[in-house]
């Protein structure tokens, strides 16, 4: 028995594939298992960037102090009021899942808002990623799983660390 098992039923992330559809934005309230807090020198400008450029929506706001943003379920960002932002983005990044058909649009929307965008680029671990440096100097990566094909170099990379397709078939997560 493998130590790994399919658990996509507990995730809002759809099965990887070219036809994967992103889930609807999630407006419910839940105990957040993880979230990122990002200081902002201009909450309104930050909200504008995160909503127009990266597809988040405003869940709620405490005026002048905090804005809670969300995309999918469990993709929560708290923007907090701060006196300013650093000059450079830190090496640390925060990643959000997306689907393949969102990657190019996210990159285009963020470029249109005059910010630093790297990619999209394919990774050795079978994803397509786009990196955005936000106005707050946060390093945000949107990452989309590509369909798993056992004949690819990416599949060999994953097999080298013990992640293989069940029964040798194309892995459909």
Protein backbone atom coordinates (compact mmCIF):
# COMPACT_ATOMS: atom_id res chain seq x y z
CA UNK A 1 0.00 0.00 0.00
CA UNK A 2 1.27 3.43 -0.94
CA UNK A 3 1.73 6.21 1.61
CA UNK A 4 0.00 8.54 -0.86
CA UNK A 5 -3.65 8.51 -1.81
CA UNK A 6 -6.04 10.53 -3.90
CA UNK A 7 -7.64 13.19 -1.73
CA UNK A 8 -8.97 15.64 -4.27
CA UNK A 9 -12.42 15.37 -2.70
CA UNK A 10 -11.23 17.52 0.24
CA UNK A 11 -9.71 20.21 -1.98
CA UNK A 12 -11.31 22.96 -4.03
CA UNK A 13 -8.59 22.37 -6.65
CA UNK A 14 -10.03 20.50 -9.65
CA UNK A 15 -8.42 17.48 -11.28
CA UNK A 16 -5.56 18.73 -13.48
CA UNK A 17 -6.24 18.93 -17.18
CA UNK A 18 -6.67 21.29 -20.10
CA UNK A 19 -10.45 21.39 -19.53
CA UNK A 20 -10.29 21.87 -15.74
CA UNK A 21 -12.69 24.55 -14.57
CA UNK A 22 -11.78 26.84 -11.69
CA UNK A 23 -14.21 26.67 -8.78
CA UNK A 24 -16.46 29.62 -8.11
CA UNK A 25 -15.23 32.20 -5.59
CA UNK A 26 -16.18 30.95 -2.12
CA UNK A 27 -18.13 33.44 0.00
CA UNK A 28 -18.73 31.23 3.06
CA UNK A 29 -17.17 31.70 6.48
CA UNK A 30 -14.93 28.92 7.84
CA UNK A 31 -12.02 28.42 10.18
CA UNK A 32 -9.06 29.22 7.94
CA UNK A 33 -6.46 26.40 7.97
CA UNK A 34 -3.88 28.82 6.55
CA UNK A 35 -3.75 32.36 5.24
CA UNK A 36 -1.26 35.04 4.35
CA UNK A 37 -1.10 38.50 5.93
CA UNK A 38 0.38 41.23 3.77
CA UNK A 39 1.10 44.77 5.03
CA UNK A 40 -0.02 47.54 2.69
CA UNK A 41 0.76 51.23 2.64
CA UNK A 42 -2.42 51.88 0.64
CA UNK A 43 -5.26 49.44 1.33
CA UNK A 44 -7.52 50.76 -1.44
CA UNK A 45 -4.80 50.51 -4.10
CA UNK A 46 -3.88 47.03 -2.86
CA UNK A 47 -7.49 45.86 -3.03
CA UNK A 48 -7.73 47.24 -6.57
CA UNK A 49 -4.63 45.27 -7.65
CA UNK A 50 -5.61 42.02 -5.93
CA UNK A 51 -9.17 42.10 -7.28
CA UNK A 52 -8.58 43.36 -10.84
CA UNK A 53 -5.18 41.74 -11.40
CA UNK A 54 -5.41 38.46 -9.54
CA UNK A 55 -9.10 37.67 -9.30
CA UNK A 56 -9.64 37.97 -5.56
CA UNK A 57 -12.78 39.52 -4.06
CA UNK A 58 -13.30 41.50 -0.89
CA UNK A 59 -14.90 39.27 1.76
CA UNK A 60 -15.00 42.01 4.39
CA UNK A 61 -13.20 45.14 5.57
CA UNK A 62 -12.38 46.83 8.86
CA UNK A 63 -11.96 50.40 7.57
CA UNK A 64 -8.42 51.69 7.69
CA UNK A 65 -7.11 48.51 9.34
CA UNK A 66 -7.72 45.29 7.42
CA UNK A 67 -9.25 43.86 4.25
CA UNK A 68 -9.98 40.14 3.96
CA UNK A 69 -9.64 38.94 0.36
CA UNK A 70 -10.41 35.51 -1.08
CA UNK A 71 -10.39 33.62 -4.37
CA UNK A 72 -11.30 29.97 -3.98
CA UNK A 73 -12.04 28.27 -0.67
CA UNK A 74 -8.88 28.31 1.48
CA UNK A 75 -7.21 31.03 -0.60
CA UNK A 76 -7.40 33.83 1.95
CA UNK A 77 -5.32 37.01 2.13
CA UNK A 78 -5.47 39.60 4.89
CA UNK A 79 -4.23 43.01 3.78
CA UNK A 80 -3.32 45.08 6.82
CA UNK A 81 -2.60 48.77 7.07
CA UNK A 82 1.12 49.55 7.40
CA UNK A 83 3.22 52.72 7.16
CA UNK A 84 4.94 51.52 3.97
CA UNK A 85 6.29 48.58 2.01
CA UNK A 86 9.84 47.25 1.57
CA UNK A 87 11.91 48.36 -1.41
CA UNK A 88 12.50 44.78 -2.58
CA UNK A 89 10.39 41.64 -2.65
CA UNK A 90 11.56 38.98 -0.18
CA UNK A 91 12.88 35.61 -1.38
CA UNK A 92 9.89 33.93 0.27
CA UNK A 93 6.85 33.42 -1.94
CA UNK A 94 3.26 32.38 -1.36
CA UNK A 95 1.56 30.14 -3.93
CA UNK A 96 -2.08 29.88 -4.93
CA UNK A 97 -3.48 27.05 -7.00
CA UNK A 98 -5.18 27.88 -10.27
CA UNK A 99 -6.13 25.93 -13.38
CA UNK A 100 -4.22 25.91 -16.65
CA UNK A 101 -6.70 28.09 -18.50
CA UNK A 102 -6.27 30.86 -15.88
CA UNK A 103 -2.46 31.20 -16.04
CA UNK A 104 -2.16 33.34 -19.17
CA UNK A 105 -5.05 35.59 -18.15
CA UNK A 106 -3.58 36.18 -14.68
CA UNK A 107 -0.22 37.09 -16.23
CA UNK A 108 -1.87 39.43 -18.74
CA UNK A 109 -4.09 41.14 -16.13
CA UNK A 110 -1.17 41.74 -13.78
CA UNK A 111 1.08 43.04 -16.58
CA UNK A 112 -1.71 45.46 -17.53
CA UNK A 113 -1.53 46.82 -13.98
CA UNK A 114 2.16 47.62 -14.49
CA UNK A 115 3.72 45.14 -12.09
CA UNK A 116 6.54 42.62 -12.33
CA UNK A 117 5.39 39.30 -13.82
CA UNK A 118 7.61 36.31 -14.57
CA UNK A 119 6.29 33.51 -16.72
CA UNK A 120 4.24 31.59 -17.35
CA UNK A 121 6.85 28.86 -17.13
CA UNK A 122 6.68 25.08 -16.86
CA UNK A 123 8.35 23.46 -13.87
CA UNK A 124 10.15 20.12 -13.47
CA UNK A 125 7.37 19.04 -11.03
CA UNK A 126 4.61 19.24 -13.68
CA UNK A 127 3.07 22.65 -13.10
CA UNK A 128 2.78 25.87 -15.08
CA UNK A 129 3.53 28.88 -12.89
CA UNK A 130 3.37 32.64 -13.10
CA UNK A 131 5.09 34.82 -10.49
CA UNK A 132 3.77 38.27 -9.62
CA UNK A 133 5.39 40.90 -7.43
CA UNK A 134 2.47 42.83 -5.95
CA UNK A 135 2.53 46.56 -5.13
CA UNK A 136 3.16 45.54 -1.48
CA UNK A 137 6.28 43.68 -2.73
CA UNK A 138 4.77 40.28 -1.96
CA UNK A 139 6.04 37.47 -4.19
CA UNK A 140 2.90 35.57 -5.28
CA UNK A 141 2.99 32.46 -7.47
CA UNK A 142 -0.07 31.10 -9.25
CA UNK A 143 0.53 27.44 -9.98
CA UNK A 144 -1.53 25.12 -12.18
CA UNK A 145 -1.01 21.37 -12.25
CA UNK A 146 -0.58 19.98 -15.75
CA UNK A 147 -2.10 16.62 -16.73
CA UNK A 148 0.15 13.80 -15.60
CA UNK A 149 1.66 11.83 -18.47
CA UNK A 150 3.97 8.97 -17.35
CA UNK A 151 6.05 9.35 -20.54
CA UNK A 152 7.29 12.85 -19.69
CA UNK A 153 10.45 14.07 -18.00
CA UNK A 154 8.24 15.65 -15.31
CA UNK A 155 6.76 12.21 -14.52
CA UNK A 156 10.26 10.79 -14.25
CA UNK A 157 11.20 13.62 -11.87
CA UNK A 158 8.19 12.82 -9.69
CA UNK A 159 8.88 9.06 -9.83
CA UNK A 160 12.43 9.76 -8.63
CA UNK A 161 10.95 11.07 -5.37
CA UNK A 162 8.38 8.27 -5.06
CA UNK A 163 5.31 9.82 -6.70
CA UNK A 164 4.00 7.52 -9.41
CA UNK A 165 0.76 7.06 -11.31
CA UNK A 166 -1.54 4.39 -9.89
CA UNK A 167 -1.45 1.18 -11.94
CA UNK A 168 0.97 2.80 -14.41
CA UNK A 169 -1.89 4.70 -16.08
CA UNK A 170 -1.97 8.38 -16.81
CA UNK A 171 -2.51 9.92 -13.40
CA UNK A 172 -5.69 11.97 -13.29
CA UNK A 173 -5.31 13.15 -9.69
